[in-house]
Amino acid sequence: MKGSALNELLATVVSWTLRIAMVLAGLVFFVSLMVVAAIAAMLWAVRLLWAKVTGKPVVPFAFKMNPASGWTTVYRSTARWSANKGARASESAASPSGMRASVIDVTDVEPREIRSQH
């Protein structure tokens, strides 16, 4: 009976210690986020004050994103890598052998006979 009670006591102490450590770690993380937010707010206020002192308009921090330009960027980059039948037809018509210019530069490897190992 005595060993069982000590095991339960030790398990309870370890469990509560881990719980308290996790709560403290969460609090440290939360407080650090609040400090970062407070610093950002102070920088924002200093920027606003400086704009008022100098008489310049305050331009908001904004991420300018145009979904259409993002789409065209992706579309153009994939057009480079995808097969385009019109471009292939014009390339094959341009060379007399019917091959593209990049294929003409390739040299074939001549197969050699495999020797048996008897």
C-alpha atoms as a PDB file:
ATOM      1  CA  MET A   1       0.000   0.000   0.000  1.00  0.00           C
ATOM      2  CA  LYS A   2       2.766   2.438   0.884  1.00  0.00           C
ATOM      3  CA  GLY A   3       4.483   2.149  -2.540  1.00  0.00           C
ATOM      4  CA  SER A   4       1.213   2.754  -4.352  1.00  0.00           C
ATOM      5  CA  ALA A   5       0.542   5.938  -2.390  1.00  0.00           C
ATOM      6  CA  LEU A   6       4.021   7.286  -3.171  1.00  0.00           C
ATOM      7  CA  ASN A   7       3.556   6.504  -6.854  1.00  0.00           C
ATOM      8  CA  GLU A   8       0.257   8.361  -6.900  1.00  0.00           C
ATOM      9  CA  LEU A   9       1.795  11.298  -5.040  1.00  0.00           C
ATOM     10  CA  LEU A  10       4.741  11.462  -7.423  1.00  0.00           C
ATOM     11  CA  ALA A  11       2.443  11.196 -10.471  1.00  0.00           C
ATOM     12  CA  THR A  12       0.275  14.000  -9.099  1.00  0.00           C
ATOM     13  CA  VAL A  13       3.281  16.246  -8.388  1.00  0.00           C
ATOM     14  CA  VAL A  14       4.758  15.649 -11.856  1.00  0.00           C
ATOM     15  CA  SER A  15       1.374  16.201 -13.511  1.00  0.00           C
ATOM     16  CA  TRP A  16       0.815  19.525 -11.712  1.00  0.00           C
ATOM     17  CA  THR A  17       4.393  20.616 -12.367  1.00  0.00           C
ATOM     18  CA  LEU A  18       3.958  19.999 -16.100  1.00  0.00           C
ATOM     19  CA  ARG A  19       0.614  21.801 -16.093  1.00  0.00           C
ATOM     20  CA  ILE A  20       2.090  24.834 -14.336  1.00  0.00           C
ATOM     21  CA  ALA A  21       5.094  24.837 -16.696  1.00  0.00           C
ATOM     22  CA  MET A  22       2.820  24.758 -19.759  1.00  0.00           C
ATOM     23  CA  VAL A  23       0.625  27.555 -18.405  1.00  0.00           C
ATOM     24  CA  LEU A  24       3.731  29.647 -17.690  1.00  0.00           C
ATOM     25  CA  ALA A  25       5.087  28.978 -21.183  1.00  0.00           C
ATOM     26  CA  GLY A  26       1.744  30.050 -22.658  1.00  0.00           C
ATOM     27  CA  LEU A  27       1.766  33.208 -20.562  1.00  0.00           C
ATOM     28  CA  VAL A  28       5.309  34.063 -21.648  1.00  0.00           C
ATOM     29  CA  PHE A  29       4.302  33.589 -25.297  1.00  0.00           C
ATOM     30  CA  PHE A  30       1.169  35.714 -24.849  1.00  0.00           C
ATOM     31  CA  VAL A  31       3.056  38.495 -23.081  1.00  0.00           C
ATOM     32  CA  SER A  32       5.743  38.500 -25.791  1.00  0.00           C
ATOM     33  CA  LEU A  33       3.041  38.871 -28.459  1.00  0.00           C
ATOM     34  CA  MET A  34       1.529  41.744 -26.505  1.00  0.00           C
ATOM     35  CA  VAL A  35       4.932  43.446 -26.253  1.00  0.00           C
ATOM     36  CA  VAL A  36       5.422  43.142 -30.014  1.00  0.00           C
ATOM     37  CA  ALA A  37       1.921  44.558 -30.593  1.00  0.00           C
ATOM     38  CA  ALA A  38       2.625  47.443 -28.183  1.00  0.00           C
ATOM     39  CA  ILE A  39       5.902  48.263 -29.965  1.00  0.00           C
ATOM     40  CA  ALA A  40       4.118  48.215 -33.328  1.00  0.00           C
ATOM     41  CA  ALA A  41       1.401  50.519 -31.949  1.00  0.00           C
ATOM     42  CA  MET A  42       4.027  52.909 -30.582  1.00  0.00           C
ATOM     43  CA  LEU A  43       5.832  52.985 -33.935  1.00  0.00           C
ATOM     44  CA  TRP A  44       2.503  53.641 -35.641  1.00  0.00           C
ATOM     45  CA  ALA A  45       1.790  56.517 -33.242  1.00  0.00           C
ATOM     46  CA  VAL A  46       5.269  58.014 -33.752  1.00  0.00           C
ATOM     47  CA  ARG A  47       4.769  57.793 -37.520  1.00  0.00           C
ATOM     48  CA  LEU A  48       1.383  59.503 -37.231  1.00  0.00           C
ATOM     49  CA  LEU A  49       2.826  62.214 -34.988  1.00  0.00           C
ATOM     50  CA  TRP A  50       5.742  62.808 -37.368  1.00  0.00           C
ATOM     51  CA  ALA A  51       3.336  63.122 -40.291  1.00  0.00           C
ATOM     52  CA  LYS A  52       1.293  65.699 -38.374  1.00  0.00           C
ATOM     53  CA  VAL A  53       4.403  67.675 -37.392  1.00  0.00           C
ATOM     54  CA  THR A  54       5.761  67.759 -40.935  1.00  0.00           C
ATOM     55  CA  GLY A  55       2.340  68.351 -42.498  1.00  0.00           C
ATOM     56  CA  LYS A  56       2.529  65.335 -44.765  1.00  0.00           C
ATOM     57  CA  PRO A  57      -0.464  63.082 -45.348  1.00  0.00           C
ATOM     58  CA  VAL A  58      -0.478  59.775 -43.510  1.00  0.00           C
ATOM     59  CA  VAL A  59      -0.298  56.883 -45.934  1.00  0.00           C
ATOM     60  CA  PRO A  60      -1.656  53.676 -44.419  1.00  0.00           C
ATOM     61  CA  PHE A  61       0.380  50.497 -44.365  1.00  0.00           C
ATOM     62  CA  ALA A  62      -1.379  48.365 -46.933  1.00  0.00           C
ATOM     63  CA  PHE A  63      -0.499  45.391 -49.041  1.00  0.00           C
ATOM     64  CA  LYS A  64      -1.553  46.262 -52.548  1.00  0.00           C
ATOM     65  CA  MET A  65      -2.649  43.063 -54.187  1.00  0.00           C
ATOM     66  CA  ASN A  66      -4.336  42.743 -57.515  1.00  0.00           C
ATOM     67  CA  PRO A  67      -5.614  39.193 -58.058  1.00  0.00           C
ATOM     68  CA  ALA A  68      -5.617  39.705 -61.827  1.00  0.00           C
ATOM     69  CA  SER A  69      -1.909  40.500 -61.925  1.00  0.00           C
ATOM     70  CA  GLY A  70      -1.159  37.452 -59.788  1.00  0.00           C
ATOM     71  CA  TRP A  71      -3.141  35.267 -62.163  1.00  0.00           C
ATOM     72  CA  THR A  72      -1.397  36.641 -65.254  1.00  0.00           C
ATOM     73  CA  THR A  73       2.007  36.089 -63.641  1.00  0.00           C
ATOM     74  CA  VAL A  74       1.206  32.440 -62.967  1.00  0.00           C
ATOM     75  CA  TYR A  75      -0.400  31.995 -66.355  1.00  0.00           C
ATOM     76  CA  ARG A  76       2.641  33.432 -68.143  1.00  0.00           C
ATOM     77  CA  SER A  77       5.065  31.265 -66.189  1.00  0.00           C
ATOM     78  CA  THR A  78       3.136  28.068 -66.981  1.00  0.00           C
ATOM     79  CA  ALA A  79       2.857  28.990 -70.651  1.00  0.00           C
ATOM     80  CA  ARG A  80       6.624  28.791 -70.828  1.00  0.00           C
ATOM     81  CA  TRP A  81       6.703  25.189 -69.665  1.00  0.00           C
ATOM     82  CA  SER A  82       3.589  23.761 -71.259  1.00  0.00           C
ATOM     83  CA  ALA A  83       3.383  22.306 -74.758  1.00  0.00           C
ATOM     84  CA  ASN A  84       2.249  24.758 -77.377  1.00  0.00           C
ATOM     85  CA  LYS A  85       1.231  23.133 -80.673  1.00  0.00           C
ATOM     86  CA  GLY A  86       1.360  26.362 -82.652  1.00  0.00           C
ATOM     87  CA  ALA A  87       4.965  27.047 -81.677  1.00  0.00           C
ATOM     88  CA  ARG A  88       6.018  23.474 -82.496  1.00  0.00           C
ATOM     89  CA  ALA A  89       4.473  23.629 -85.946  1.00  0.00           C
ATOM     90  CA  SER A  90       6.275  26.846 -86.776  1.00  0.00           C
ATOM     91  CA  GLU A  91       9.594  25.453 -85.478  1.00  0.00           C
ATOM     92  CA  SER A  92       9.319  22.240 -87.480  1.00  0.00           C
ATOM     93  CA  ALA A  93       8.444  24.150 -90.620  1.00  0.00           C
ATOM     94  CA  ALA A  94      11.495  26.369 -90.133  1.00  0.00           C
ATOM     95  CA  SER A  95      14.060  23.538 -90.277  1.00  0.00           C
ATOM     96  CA  PRO A  96      14.489  21.390 -93.394  1.00  0.00           C
ATOM     97  CA  SER A  97      14.720  18.104 -91.467  1.00  0.00           C
ATOM     98  CA  GLY A  98      11.466  18.713 -89.621  1.00  0.00           C
ATOM     99  CA  MET A  99      13.248  18.773 -86.257  1.00  0.00           C
ATOM    100  CA  ARG A 100      13.491  21.650 -83.868  1.00  0.00           C
ATOM    101  CA  ALA A 101      16.775  23.531 -83.729  1.00  0.00           C
ATOM    102  CA  SER A 102      17.549  22.254 -80.215  1.00  0.00           C
ATOM    103  CA  VAL A 103      17.045  18.645 -81.365  1.00  0.00           C
ATOM    104  CA  ILE A 104      19.360  19.022 -84.366  1.00  0.00           C
ATOM    105  CA  ASP A 105      22.306  19.729 -82.065  1.00  0.00           C
ATOM    106  CA  VAL A 106      21.886  16.410 -80.229  1.00  0.00           C
ATOM    107  CA  THR A 107      24.177  13.579 -81.357  1.00  0.00           C
ATOM    108  CA  ASP A 108      22.946  10.013 -81.238  1.00  0.00           C
ATOM    109  CA  VAL A 109      24.740   7.296 -79.351  1.00  0.00           C
ATOM    110  CA  GLU A 110      25.588   4.230 -81.371  1.00  0.00           C
ATOM    111  CA  PRO A 111      24.590   1.006 -79.622  1.00  0.00           C
ATOM    112  CA  ARG A 112      27.321  -1.523 -79.111  1.00  0.00           C
ATOM    113  CA  GLU A 113      27.068  -5.246 -78.893  1.00  0.00           C
ATOM    114  CA  ILE A 114      26.727  -6.788 -75.468  1.00  0.00           C
ATOM    115  CA  ARG A 115      29.376  -9.378 -74.742  1.00  0.00           C
ATOM    116  CA  SER A 116      28.288 -12.475 -72.951  1.00  0.00           C
ATOM    117  CA  GLN A 117      30.117 -13.454 -69.774  1.00  0.00           C
ATOM    118  CA  HIS A 118      30.384 -17.278 -70.240  1.00  0.00           C
END
